[in-house]
Amino acid sequence: MTVPIGAGSPSPDHSPTADHSPTADHSPTADHSPTADHSPTADHSPTADHSPPKVVVGFDFDGTMTNGGSVWRFLVAVAGWQGVLPATIRLAPRIAVAGILGGTWADDTKQRLFRSVLAGRTATEVAERGAAFGPEHFRRHARPEMVARLQAHLDAGHRVAIVSASPDLYIRPAAMALGAHEVLATRLAVDADGRLTGSYDGANCRGQEKARRLRAWAGSAGTDSSAGTRSTGGAGARGAVVIWAYGNSAGDRAMLHTADVGIDVGRLGRFGRLREFPDLHRAPSPEPLAGPAGAGSPTSPPAGPSTGAGVPERPAASGPMSSPAPPTAR
């Protein structure tokens, strides 16, 4: 029997080469294929540009987290008035000039004061005094609005560092009480006998050194903060880090300039040294990160009961920061 063409022959629409054939729209190379928009290399892939940037935050300590300075009070806590006052009087002219010029004058004058008061003291003794002084000083002089701001960053899953020109010996214990992840502060040199020399171990953490160390820590925290790869605050550049910084004085300007979001928290407002930056009232608010690094993650430990002045007692945050230890000889 002859089958008429068009009445079930191999060439009609239901033939092997028709729309339902292996090469049709539903074939492996069609829109639903491994290379289509839903493939591992598409916009929803792990390496796509939609991943949020990481956030690193640097807070200055003296004048930013606290009202006023701390160095002179710390020296008195270690050596008493009788050990600090003569050195202060002797260095008074340099202290006055350093207050005006800042820069290397400030670095050198502070080091001279340290040599006069701290040189020859055992590192263990001074570290013990610092461990007691730091948290108590902060409790008495904390700025509640800045404690709340730091807490907001922690709750948002951001990585927080205290960046200070003051000695690490007492800044670290205070920062641990706040739940900060790291301290970037001035280190003091120790000789082979375990005694302080009064000199810096490295550079005084002020000015450009603050900016350099914050960038370096951002990189070590698993982010890329090198020039050209940082986000400017927009929707997440791939593998980017957004750096925030808070400061109150000229010594913080370089750190605020290196940040994507620099915020002036000084008391002088438009008359202050950092008036080019927005103040706390005009600055953006911290926003939680998407995904597991967001609020409630291990990077934002829960706050404990308040100890007064709006300062919560907090367990040490997860991360690289550990309990304070005496400086070691270099």
C-alpha atoms as a PDB file:
ATOM      1  CA  MET A   1       0.000   0.000   0.000  1.00  0.00           C
ATOM      2  CA  THR A   2       1.358   3.400  -0.908  1.00  0.00           C
ATOM      3  CA  VAL A   3       1.256   6.046   1.809  1.00  0.00           C
ATOM      4  CA  PRO A   4       0.442   9.534   0.409  1.00  0.00           C
ATOM      5  CA  ILE A   5       2.972  12.259   1.068  1.00  0.00           C
ATOM      6  CA  GLY A   6       1.791  14.507   3.944  1.00  0.00           C
ATOM      7  CA  ALA A   7      -0.340  11.777   5.532  1.00  0.00           C
ATOM      8  CA  GLY A   8       2.172  10.380   8.046  1.00  0.00           C
ATOM      9  CA  SER A   9       5.322  10.295   5.907  1.00  0.00           C
ATOM     10  CA  PRO A  10       8.790  10.839   7.546  1.00  0.00           C
ATOM     11  CA  SER A  11       8.789  14.546   6.609  1.00  0.00           C
ATOM     12  CA  PRO A  12       5.746  15.993   8.475  1.00  0.00           C
ATOM     13  CA  ASP A  13       5.923  18.005  11.750  1.00  0.00           C
ATOM     14  CA  HIS A  14       6.175  14.850  13.870  1.00  0.00           C
ATOM     15  CA  SER A  15       9.215  13.563  12.031  1.00  0.00           C
ATOM     16  CA  PRO A  16      12.633  13.094  13.743  1.00  0.00           C
ATOM     17  CA  THR A  17      13.732  16.489  12.382  1.00  0.00           C
ATOM     18  CA  ALA A  18      10.662  18.378  13.584  1.00  0.00           C
ATOM     19  CA  ASP A  19      10.480  20.890  16.449  1.00  0.00           C
ATOM     20  CA  HIS A  20      10.654  18.088  19.015  1.00  0.00           C
ATOM     21  CA  SER A  21      13.852  16.685  17.610  1.00  0.00           C
ATOM     22  CA  PRO A  22      17.153  16.658  19.580  1.00  0.00           C
ATOM     23  CA  THR A  23      18.192  19.878  17.800  1.00  0.00           C
ATOM     24  CA  ALA A  24      14.970  21.760  18.503  1.00  0.00           C
ATOM     25  CA  ASP A  25      14.445  24.524  21.081  1.00  0.00           C
ATOM     26  CA  HIS A  26      14.329  21.973  23.893  1.00  0.00           C
ATOM     27  CA  SER A  27      17.655  20.443  22.932  1.00  0.00           C
ATOM     28  CA  PRO A  28      20.793  20.590  25.130  1.00  0.00           C
ATOM     29  CA  THR A  29      21.915  23.746  23.295  1.00  0.00           C
ATOM     30  CA  ALA A  30      18.645  25.594  23.791  1.00  0.00           C
ATOM     31  CA  ASP A  31      17.895  28.278  26.384  1.00  0.00           C
ATOM     32  CA  HIS A  32      17.764  25.691  29.158  1.00  0.00           C
ATOM     33  CA  SER A  33      21.126  24.197  28.275  1.00  0.00           C
ATOM     34  CA  PRO A  34      24.184  24.332  30.589  1.00  0.00           C
ATOM     35  CA  THR A  35      25.462  27.386  28.670  1.00  0.00           C
ATOM     36  CA  ALA A  36      22.217  29.340  28.923  1.00  0.00           C
ATOM     37  CA  ASP A  37      21.528  32.279  31.236  1.00  0.00           C
ATOM     38  CA  HIS A  38      20.936  29.944  34.166  1.00  0.00           C
ATOM     39  CA  SER A  39      24.294  28.241  33.791  1.00  0.00           C
ATOM     40  CA  PRO A  40      27.071  28.406  36.425  1.00  0.00           C
ATOM     41  CA  THR A  41      28.703  31.267  34.506  1.00  0.00           C
ATOM     42  CA  ALA A  42      25.569  33.401  34.389  1.00  0.00           C
ATOM     43  CA  ASP A  43      24.741  36.446  36.533  1.00  0.00           C
ATOM     44  CA  HIS A  44      23.628  34.250  39.436  1.00  0.00           C
ATOM     45  CA  SER A  45      26.926  32.412  39.696  1.00  0.00           C
ATOM     46  CA  PRO A  46      29.124  32.623  42.823  1.00  0.00           C
ATOM     47  CA  THR A  47      31.514  35.006  41.037  1.00  0.00           C
ATOM     48  CA  ALA A  48      28.857  37.356  39.693  1.00  0.00           C
ATOM     49  CA  ASP A  49      28.932  41.094  40.410  1.00  0.00           C
ATOM     50  CA  HIS A  50      25.861  40.836  42.631  1.00  0.00           C
ATOM     51  CA  SER A  51      27.808  39.624  45.676  1.00  0.00           C
ATOM     52  CA  PRO A  52      27.918  42.384  48.324  1.00  0.00           C
ATOM     53  CA  PRO A  53      31.258  43.996  49.196  1.00  0.00           C
ATOM     54  CA  LYS A  54      32.839  43.243  52.551  1.00  0.00           C
ATOM     55  CA  VAL A  55      32.934  46.112  55.029  1.00  0.00           C
ATOM     56  CA  VAL A  56      35.889  47.076  57.253  1.00  0.00           C
ATOM     57  CA  VAL A  57      35.556  49.910  59.771  1.00  0.00           C
ATOM     58  CA  GLY A  58      38.287  51.863  61.572  1.00  0.00           C
ATOM     59  CA  PHE A  59      37.511  53.913  64.703  1.00  0.00           C
ATOM     60  CA  ASP A  60      40.021  56.332  66.198  1.00  0.00           C
ATOM     61  CA  PHE A  61      40.058  56.115  70.016  1.00  0.00           C
ATOM     62  CA  ASP A  62      41.004  59.373  71.794  1.00  0.00           C
ATOM     63  CA  GLY A  63      38.423  62.072  71.099  1.00  0.00           C
ATOM     64  CA  THR A  64      36.430  59.757  68.839  1.00  0.00           C
ATOM     65  CA  MET A  65      35.360  56.878  71.074  1.00  0.00           C
ATOM     66  CA  THR A  66      36.132  58.920  74.210  1.00  0.00           C
ATOM     67  CA  ASN A  67      35.955  62.473  75.431  1.00  0.00           C
ATOM     68  CA  GLY A  68      39.526  63.780  75.464  1.00  0.00           C
ATOM     69  CA  GLY A  69      42.883  62.055  75.453  1.00  0.00           C
ATOM     70  CA  SER A  70      44.281  59.142  77.434  1.00  0.00           C
ATOM     71  CA  VAL A  71      48.085  59.092  77.211  1.00  0.00           C
ATOM     72  CA  TRP A  72      48.820  61.456  80.075  1.00  0.00           C
ATOM     73  CA  ARG A  73      46.301  59.694  82.338  1.00  0.00           C
ATOM     74  CA  PHE A  74      47.869  56.338  81.481  1.00  0.00           C
ATOM     75  CA  LEU A  75      51.352  57.566  82.368  1.00  0.00           C
ATOM     76  CA  VAL A  76      50.061  58.825  85.715  1.00  0.00           C
ATOM     77  CA  ALA A  77      48.426  55.424  86.325  1.00  0.00           C
ATOM     78  CA  VAL A  78      51.817  53.786  85.738  1.00  0.00           C
ATOM     79  CA  ALA A  79      54.276  56.226  87.330  1.00  0.00           C
ATOM     80  CA  GLY A  80      52.177  58.514  89.529  1.00  0.00           C
ATOM     81  CA  TRP A  81      52.160  62.302  89.473  1.00  0.00           C
ATOM     82  CA  GLN A  82      55.695  62.455  90.798  1.00  0.00           C
ATOM     83  CA  GLY A  83      56.940  60.424  87.823  1.00  0.00           C
ATOM     84  CA  VAL A  84      55.058  62.343  85.134  1.00  0.00           C
ATOM     85  CA  LEU A  85      54.965  65.979  86.217  1.00  0.00           C
ATOM     86  CA  PRO A  86      58.734  66.691  86.066  1.00  0.00           C
ATOM     87  CA  ALA A  87      58.975  65.217  82.561  1.00  0.00           C
ATOM     88  CA  THR A  88      55.912  67.181  81.449  1.00  0.00           C
ATOM     89  CA  ILE A  89      57.357  70.451  82.742  1.00  0.00           C
ATOM     90  CA  ARG A  90      60.704  69.766  81.121  1.00  0.00           C
ATOM     91  CA  LEU A  91      59.065  69.024  77.762  1.00  0.00           C
ATOM     92  CA  ALA A  92      56.422  71.768  77.997  1.00  0.00           C
ATOM     93  CA  PRO A  93      57.865  73.961  75.195  1.00  0.00           C
ATOM     94  CA  ARG A  94      58.037  71.002  72.816  1.00  0.00           C
ATOM     95  CA  ILE A  95      54.551  69.872  73.827  1.00  0.00           C
ATOM     96  CA  ALA A  96      53.202  73.341  72.993  1.00  0.00           C
ATOM     97  CA  VAL A  97      54.874  73.370  69.559  1.00  0.00           C
ATOM     98  CA  ALA A  98      53.744  69.796  68.869  1.00  0.00           C
ATOM     99  CA  GLY A  99      50.161  70.809  69.612  1.00  0.00           C
ATOM    100  CA  ILE A 100      50.389  73.447  66.889  1.00  0.00           C
ATOM    101  CA  LEU A 101      52.515  71.737  64.238  1.00  0.00           C
ATOM    102  CA  GLY A 102      51.613  68.097  64.806  1.00  0.00           C
ATOM    103  CA  GLY A 103      53.375  65.725  62.407  1.00  0.00           C
ATOM    104  CA  THR A 104      56.872  64.579  63.287  1.00  0.00           C
ATOM    105  CA  TRP A 105      56.974  67.109  66.138  1.00  0.00           C
ATOM    106  CA  ALA A 106      54.089  65.299  67.806  1.00  0.00           C
ATOM    107  CA  ASP A 107      55.652  61.885  67.155  1.00  0.00           C
ATOM    108  CA  ASP A 108      59.023  62.870  68.591  1.00  0.00           C
ATOM    109  CA  THR A 109      57.625  64.727  71.604  1.00  0.00           C
ATOM    110  CA  LYS A 110      55.436  61.815  72.657  1.00  0.00           C
ATOM    111  CA  GLN A 111      58.379  59.437  72.318  1.00  0.00           C
ATOM    112  CA  ARG A 112      60.524  61.699  74.512  1.00  0.00           C
ATOM    113  CA  LEU A 113      57.796  61.674  77.148  1.00  0.00           C
ATOM    114  CA  PHE A 114      57.607  57.881  77.012  1.00  0.00           C
ATOM    115  CA  ARG A 115      61.376  57.607  77.410  1.00  0.00           C
ATOM    116  CA  SER A 116      61.298  59.884  80.444  1.00  0.00           C
ATOM    117  CA  VAL A 117      58.471  58.039  82.191  1.00  0.00           C
ATOM    118  CA  LEU A 118      58.468  54.429  80.942  1.00  0.00           C
ATOM    119  CA  ALA A 119      62.081  53.556  80.081  1.00  0.00           C
ATOM    120  CA  GLY A 120      63.453  50.832  82.353  1.00  0.00           C
ATOM    121  CA  ARG A 121      60.091  49.614  83.618  1.00  0.00           C
ATOM    122  CA  THR A 122      59.312  45.943  83.081  1.00  0.00           C
ATOM    123  CA  ALA A 123      56.969  45.274  80.175  1.00  0.00           C
ATOM    124  CA  THR A 124      54.954  42.879  82.338  1.00  0.00           C
ATOM    125  CA  GLU A 125      54.293  45.527  84.977  1.00  0.00           C
ATOM    126  CA  VAL A 126      53.227  48.161  82.445  1.00  0.00           C
ATOM    127  CA  ALA A 127      51.039  45.667  80.579  1.00  0.00           C
ATOM    128  CA  GLU A 128      49.253  44.786  83.827  1.00  0.00           C
ATOM    129  CA  ARG A 129      48.638  48.468  84.535  1.00  0.00           C
ATOM    130  CA  GLY A 130      47.382  48.914  80.984  1.00  0.00           C
ATOM    131  CA  ALA A 131      44.964  45.974  81.262  1.00  0.00           C
ATOM    132  CA  ALA A 132      43.358  47.640  84.292  1.00  0.00           C
ATOM    133  CA  PHE A 133      43.545  51.216  83.001  1.00  0.00           C
ATOM    134  CA  GLY A 134      42.129  50.784  79.489  1.00  0.00           C
ATOM    135  CA  PRO A 135      38.616  49.472  80.225  1.00  0.00           C
ATOM    136  CA  GLU A 136      38.189  51.724  83.283  1.00  0.00           C
ATOM    137  CA  HIS A 137      39.292  54.833  81.384  1.00  0.00           C
ATOM    138  CA  PHE A 138      36.894  53.995  78.584  1.00  0.00           C
ATOM    139  CA  ARG A 139      34.016  53.383  80.997  1.00  0.00           C
ATOM    140  CA  ARG A 140      34.528  56.838  82.508  1.00  0.00           C
ATOM    141  CA  HIS A 141      35.074  58.816  79.299  1.00  0.00           C
ATOM    142  CA  ALA A 142      33.122  56.963  76.580  1.00  0.00           C
ATOM    143  CA  ARG A 143      30.964  58.839  74.101  1.00  0.00           C
ATOM    144  CA  PRO A 144      27.642  56.941  74.149  1.00  0.00           C
ATOM    145  CA  GLU A 145      26.709  57.950  70.606  1.00  0.00           C
ATOM    146  CA  MET A 146      29.966  56.462  69.315  1.00  0.00           C
ATOM    147  CA  VAL A 147      29.505  53.274  71.322  1.00  0.00           C
ATOM    148  CA  ALA A 148      26.109  52.944  69.647  1.00  0.00           C
ATOM    149  CA  ARG A 149      27.653  53.579  66.236  1.00  0.00           C
ATOM    150  CA  LEU A 150      30.323  50.926  66.716  1.00  0.00           C
ATOM    151  CA  GLN A 151      27.654  48.502  67.927  1.00  0.00           C
ATOM    152  CA  ALA A 152      25.598  49.192  64.781  1.00  0.00           C
ATOM    153  CA  HIS A 153      28.556  48.166  62.615  1.00  0.00           C
ATOM    154  CA  LEU A 154      29.065  44.979  64.616  1.00  0.00           C
ATOM    155  CA  ASP A 155      25.375  44.147  64.364  1.00  0.00           C
ATOM    156  CA  ALA A 156      25.598  44.668  60.601  1.00  0.00           C
ATOM    157  CA  GLY A 157      28.322  42.026  60.350  1.00  0.00           C
ATOM    158  CA  HIS A 158      31.140  44.487  59.638  1.00  0.00           C
ATOM    159  CA  ARG A 159      34.768  43.958  60.684  1.00  0.00           C
ATOM    160  CA  VAL A 160      35.758  46.615  63.224  1.00  0.00           C
ATOM    161  CA  ALA A 161      39.212  47.842  64.295  1.00  0.00           C
ATOM    162  CA  ILE A 162      40.262  50.483  66.809  1.00  0.00           C
ATOM    163  CA  VAL A 163      43.020  52.562  65.169  1.00  0.00           C
ATOM    164  CA  SER A 164      44.965  54.693  67.633  1.00  0.00           C
ATOM    165  CA  ALA A 165      48.242  56.525  68.180  1.00  0.00           C
ATOM    166  CA  SER A 166      48.004  55.612  71.866  1.00  0.00           C
ATOM    167  CA  PRO A 167      49.854  52.563  73.219  1.00  0.00           C
ATOM    168  CA  ASP A 168      48.508  49.132  72.368  1.00  0.00           C
ATOM    169  CA  LEU A 169      49.088  48.119  76.015  1.00  0.00           C
ATOM    170  CA  TYR A 170      45.825  49.700  77.148  1.00  0.00           C
ATOM    171  CA  ILE A 171      43.940  50.345  73.905  1.00  0.00           C
ATOM    172  CA  ARG A 172      43.663  46.601  73.256  1.00  0.00           C
ATOM    173  CA  PRO A 173      41.948  45.772  76.581  1.00  0.00           C
ATOM    174  CA  ALA A 174      39.472  48.619  76.036  1.00  0.00           C
ATOM    175  CA  ALA A 175      38.763  47.466  72.476  1.00  0.00           C
ATOM    176  CA  MET A 176      38.222  43.890  73.632  1.00  0.00           C
ATOM    177  CA  ALA A 177      35.517  45.120  76.010  1.00  0.00           C
ATOM    178  CA  LEU A 178      33.828  46.769  73.026  1.00  0.00           C
ATOM    179  CA  GLY A 179      33.915  43.620  70.895  1.00  0.00           C
ATOM    180  CA  ALA A 180      36.273  45.032  68.235  1.00  0.00           C
ATOM    181  CA  HIS A 181      37.984  42.487  65.982  1.00  0.00           C
ATOM    182  CA  GLU A 182      41.420  44.110  65.973  1.00  0.00           C
ATOM    183  CA  VAL A 183      43.534  46.909  67.438  1.00  0.00           C
ATOM    184  CA  LEU A 184      45.940  48.925  65.296  1.00  0.00           C
ATOM    185  CA  ALA A 185      47.820  51.077  67.797  1.00  0.00           C
ATOM    186  CA  THR A 186      51.314  52.291  68.683  1.00  0.00           C
ATOM    187  CA  ARG A 187      53.558  49.522  69.990  1.00  0.00           C
ATOM    188  CA  LEU A 188      56.329  50.113  72.539  1.00  0.00           C
ATOM    189  CA  ALA A 189      59.783  48.586  72.175  1.00  0.00           C
ATOM    190  CA  VAL A 190      61.174  46.137  74.754  1.00  0.00           C
ATOM    191  CA  ASP A 191      64.844  45.322  75.303  1.00  0.00           C
ATOM    192  CA  ALA A 192      66.405  41.881  75.785  1.00  0.00           C
ATOM    193  CA  ASP A 193      65.788  42.064  79.549  1.00  0.00           C
ATOM    194  CA  GLY A 194      62.056  42.552  79.137  1.00  0.00           C
ATOM    195  CA  ARG A 195      62.095  46.257  79.937  1.00  0.00           C
ATOM    196  CA  LEU A 196      60.534  49.097  77.984  1.00  0.00           C
ATOM    197  CA  THR A 197      62.975  51.390  76.189  1.00  0.00           C
ATOM    198  CA  GLY A 198      60.450  54.217  75.855  1.00  0.00           C
ATOM    199  CA  SER A 199      60.837  54.118  72.058  1.00  0.00           C
ATOM    200  CA  TYR A 200      58.286  53.027  69.517  1.00  0.00           C
ATOM    201  CA  ASP A 201      58.347  49.513  68.109  1.00  0.00           C
ATOM    202  CA  GLY A 202      57.747  50.598  64.535  1.00  0.00           C
ATOM    203  CA  ALA A 203      56.033  53.869  63.669  1.00  0.00           C
ATOM    204  CA  ASN A 204      53.723  55.989  65.792  1.00  0.00           C
ATOM    205  CA  CYS A 205      50.246  55.005  64.567  1.00  0.00           C
ATOM    206  CA  ARG A 206      49.194  58.486  63.466  1.00  0.00           C
ATOM    207  CA  GLY A 207      48.516  60.177  60.135  1.00  0.00           C
ATOM    208  CA  GLN A 208      49.621  58.125  57.136  1.00  0.00           C
ATOM    209  CA  GLU A 209      50.521  55.207  59.401  1.00  0.00           C
ATOM    210  CA  LYS A 210      46.874  54.911  60.446  1.00  0.00           C
ATOM    211  CA  ALA A 211      45.788  54.787  56.816  1.00  0.00           C
ATOM    212  CA  ARG A 212      48.492  52.258  55.906  1.00  0.00           C
ATOM    213  CA  ARG A 213      47.705  49.913  58.764  1.00  0.00           C
ATOM    214  CA  LEU A 214      43.931  50.046  58.205  1.00  0.00           C
ATOM    215  CA  ARG A 215      44.414  49.151  54.526  1.00  0.00           C
ATOM    216  CA  ALA A 216      46.798  46.340  55.452  1.00  0.00           C
ATOM    217  CA  TRP A 217      44.370  44.919  57.989  1.00  0.00           C
ATOM    218  CA  ALA A 218      41.545  45.076  55.486  1.00  0.00           C
ATOM    219  CA  GLY A 219      43.676  42.929  53.178  1.00  0.00           C
ATOM    220  CA  SER A 220      44.582  40.432  55.894  1.00  0.00           C
ATOM    221  CA  ALA A 221      40.915  40.088  56.832  1.00  0.00           C
ATOM    222  CA  GLY A 222      40.358  38.288  53.533  1.00  0.00           C
ATOM    223  CA  THR A 223      39.609  41.291  51.368  1.00  0.00           C
ATOM    224  CA  ASP A 224      41.374  43.148  48.585  1.00  0.00           C
ATOM    225  CA  SER A 225      41.770  46.809  49.471  1.00  0.00           C
ATOM    226  CA  SER A 226      44.472  47.667  46.965  1.00  0.00           C
ATOM    227  CA  ALA A 227      44.046  50.709  44.775  1.00  0.00           C
ATOM    228  CA  GLY A 228      41.557  50.237  41.989  1.00  0.00           C
ATOM    229  CA  THR A 229      39.716  47.300  43.546  1.00  0.00           C
ATOM    230  CA  ARG A 230      37.896  48.991  46.384  1.00  0.00           C
ATOM    231  CA  SER A 231      34.226  49.707  45.909  1.00  0.00           C
ATOM    232  CA  THR A 232      33.145  53.310  46.261  1.00  0.00           C
ATOM    233  CA  GLY A 233      30.083  52.273  48.137  1.00  0.00           C
ATOM    234  CA  GLY A 234      27.996  51.132  45.190  1.00  0.00           C
ATOM    235  CA  ALA A 235      26.561  47.663  44.679  1.00  0.00           C
ATOM    236  CA  GLY A 236      29.293  45.170  45.324  1.00  0.00           C
ATOM    237  CA  ALA A 237      32.202  45.061  43.012  1.00  0.00           C
ATOM    238  CA  ARG A 238      33.477  41.518  42.843  1.00  0.00           C
ATOM    239  CA  GLY A 239      35.622  40.680  45.880  1.00  0.00           C
ATOM    240  CA  ALA A 240      35.671  44.361  46.930  1.00  0.00           C
ATOM    241  CA  VAL A 241      35.874  45.891  50.376  1.00  0.00           C
ATOM    242  CA  VAL A 242      34.219  49.091  51.516  1.00  0.00           C
ATOM    243  CA  ILE A 243      36.276  50.902  54.160  1.00  0.00           C
ATOM    244  CA  TRP A 244      34.624  53.198  56.689  1.00  0.00           C
ATOM    245  CA  ALA A 245      36.627  55.409  59.075  1.00  0.00           C
ATOM    246  CA  TYR A 246      35.733  57.658  62.008  1.00  0.00           C
ATOM    247  CA  GLY A 247      38.026  60.346  63.416  1.00  0.00           C
ATOM    248  CA  ASN A 248      38.096  63.710  65.165  1.00  0.00           C
ATOM    249  CA  SER A 249      41.485  65.328  64.528  1.00  0.00           C
ATOM    250  CA  ALA A 250      44.121  66.128  61.930  1.00  0.00           C
ATOM    251  CA  GLY A 251      45.922  62.903  62.837  1.00  0.00           C
ATOM    252  CA  ASP A 252      42.933  61.009  61.432  1.00  0.00           C
ATOM    253  CA  ARG A 253      42.683  62.858  58.108  1.00  0.00           C
ATOM    254  CA  ALA A 254      44.752  60.372  56.094  1.00  0.00           C
ATOM    255  CA  MET A 255      42.684  57.474  57.422  1.00  0.00           C
ATOM    256  CA  LEU A 256      39.432  59.211  56.502  1.00  0.00           C
ATOM    257  CA  HIS A 257      40.805  60.032  53.049  1.00  0.00           C
ATOM    258  CA  THR A 258      41.785  56.410  52.406  1.00  0.00           C
ATOM    259  CA  ALA A 259      38.275  55.262  53.353  1.00  0.00           C
ATOM    260  CA  ASP A 260      35.278  55.055  51.046  1.00  0.00           C
ATOM    261  CA  VAL A 261      33.184  56.566  53.839  1.00  0.00           C
ATOM    262  CA  GLY A 262      35.073  58.993  56.081  1.00  0.00           C
ATOM    263  CA  ILE A 263      33.148  60.569  58.975  1.00  0.00           C
ATOM    264  CA  ASP A 264      34.139  63.531  61.158  1.00  0.00           C
ATOM    265  CA  VAL A 265      33.022  63.114  64.770  1.00  0.00           C
ATOM    266  CA  GLY A 266      34.980  66.063  66.156  1.00  0.00           C
ATOM    267  CA  ARG A 267      33.317  68.565  68.476  1.00  0.00           C
ATOM    268  CA  LEU A 268      34.202  71.654  66.404  1.00  0.00           C
ATOM    269  CA  GLY A 269      32.003  70.839  63.432  1.00  0.00           C
ATOM    270  CA  ARG A 270      32.602  73.185  60.502  1.00  0.00           C
ATOM    271  CA  PHE A 271      35.442  74.841  62.433  1.00  0.00           C
ATOM    272  CA  GLY A 272      37.315  71.561  62.943  1.00  0.00           C
ATOM    273  CA  ARG A 273      40.239  70.073  61.056  1.00  0.00           C
ATOM    274  CA  LEU A 274      38.046  67.452  59.338  1.00  0.00           C
ATOM    275  CA  ARG A 275      35.205  69.706  58.185  1.00  0.00           C
ATOM    276  CA  GLU A 276      35.587  68.433  54.613  1.00  0.00           C
ATOM    277  CA  PHE A 277      33.985  65.152  55.737  1.00  0.00           C
ATOM    278  CA  PRO A 278      30.344  64.632  56.727  1.00  0.00           C
ATOM    279  CA  ASP A 279      29.546  64.609  60.418  1.00  0.00           C
ATOM    280  CA  LEU A 280      27.735  61.808  62.210  1.00  0.00           C
ATOM    281  CA  HIS A 281      24.314  63.330  61.520  1.00  0.00           C
ATOM    282  CA  ARG A 282      24.873  63.569  57.752  1.00  0.00           C
ATOM    283  CA  ALA A 283      26.719  60.269  57.314  1.00  0.00           C
ATOM    284  CA  PRO A 284      25.032  57.126  55.968  1.00  0.00           C
ATOM    285  CA  SER A 285      23.905  54.473  58.436  1.00  0.00           C
ATOM    286  CA  PRO A 286      25.587  51.056  58.575  1.00  0.00           C
ATOM    287  CA  GLU A 287      23.626  48.453  56.619  1.00  0.00           C
ATOM    288  CA  PRO A 288      23.663  44.695  57.299  1.00  0.00           C
ATOM    289  CA  LEU A 289      25.551  42.487  54.893  1.00  0.00           C
ATOM    290  CA  ALA A 290      23.619  39.911  52.878  1.00  0.00           C
ATOM    291  CA  GLY A 291      24.242  36.255  53.636  1.00  0.00           C
ATOM    292  CA  PRO A 292      25.915  34.551  56.547  1.00  0.00           C
ATOM    293  CA  ALA A 293      28.116  37.540  57.426  1.00  0.00           C
ATOM    294  CA  GLY A 294      25.085  39.667  58.298  1.00  0.00           C
ATOM    295  CA  ALA A 295      23.548  40.576  61.615  1.00  0.00           C
ATOM    296  CA  GLY A 296      23.470  37.794  64.107  1.00  0.00           C
ATOM    297  CA  SER A 297      26.587  36.181  62.643  1.00  0.00           C
ATOM    298  CA  PRO A 298      29.651  35.306  64.736  1.00  0.00           C
ATOM    299  CA  THR A 299      31.192  38.639  63.703  1.00  0.00           C
ATOM    300  CA  SER A 300      28.658  40.531  65.796  1.00  0.00           C
ATOM    301  CA  PRO A 301      28.680  39.095  69.330  1.00  0.00           C
ATOM    302  CA  PRO A 302      25.680  39.967  71.483  1.00  0.00           C
ATOM    303  CA  ALA A 303      25.985  42.875  73.851  1.00  0.00           C
ATOM    304  CA  GLY A 304      26.010  42.206  77.564  1.00  0.00           C
ATOM    305  CA  PRO A 305      24.714  44.299  80.447  1.00  0.00           C
ATOM    306  CA  SER A 306      25.716  47.941  80.554  1.00  0.00           C
ATOM    307  CA  THR A 307      28.504  49.065  82.871  1.00  0.00           C
ATOM    308  CA  GLY A 308      27.484  52.711  82.775  1.00  0.00           C
ATOM    309  CA  ALA A 309      28.038  55.601  80.324  1.00  0.00           C
ATOM    310  CA  GLY A 310      26.323  53.523  77.674  1.00  0.00           C
ATOM    311  CA  VAL A 311      29.240  51.080  77.519  1.00  0.00           C
ATOM    312  CA  PRO A 312      28.185  47.416  77.359  1.00  0.00           C
ATOM    313  CA  GLU A 313      30.216  44.575  78.781  1.00  0.00           C
ATOM    314  CA  ARG A 314      30.978  42.350  75.822  1.00  0.00           C
ATOM    315  CA  PRO A 315      32.742  39.073  75.267  1.00  0.00           C
ATOM    316  CA  ALA A 316      35.782  39.217  72.990  1.00  0.00           C
ATOM    317  CA  ALA A 317      34.741  39.149  69.341  1.00  0.00           C
ATOM    318  CA  SER A 318      35.603  36.236  67.156  1.00  0.00           C
ATOM    319  CA  GLY A 319      38.619  36.986  65.014  1.00  0.00           C
ATOM    320  CA  PRO A 320      42.340  37.581  65.289  1.00  0.00           C
ATOM    321  CA  MET A 321      42.351  39.782  68.403  1.00  0.00           C
ATOM    322  CA  SER A 322      43.426  38.032  71.575  1.00  0.00           C
ATOM    323  CA  SER A 323      43.964  38.918  75.208  1.00  0.00           C
ATOM    324  CA  PRO A 324      46.637  41.556  75.863  1.00  0.00           C
ATOM    325  CA  ALA A 325      50.144  40.317  76.516  1.00  0.00           C
ATOM    326  CA  PRO A 326      53.317  42.118  77.501  1.00  0.00           C
ATOM    327  CA  PRO A 327      55.371  43.442  74.585  1.00  0.00           C
ATOM    328  CA  THR A 328      58.209  41.195  73.543  1.00  0.00           C
ATOM    329  CA  ALA A 329      61.760  42.191  72.765  1.00  0.00           C
ATOM    330  CA  ARG A 330      62.415  42.905  69.098  1.00  0.00           C
END
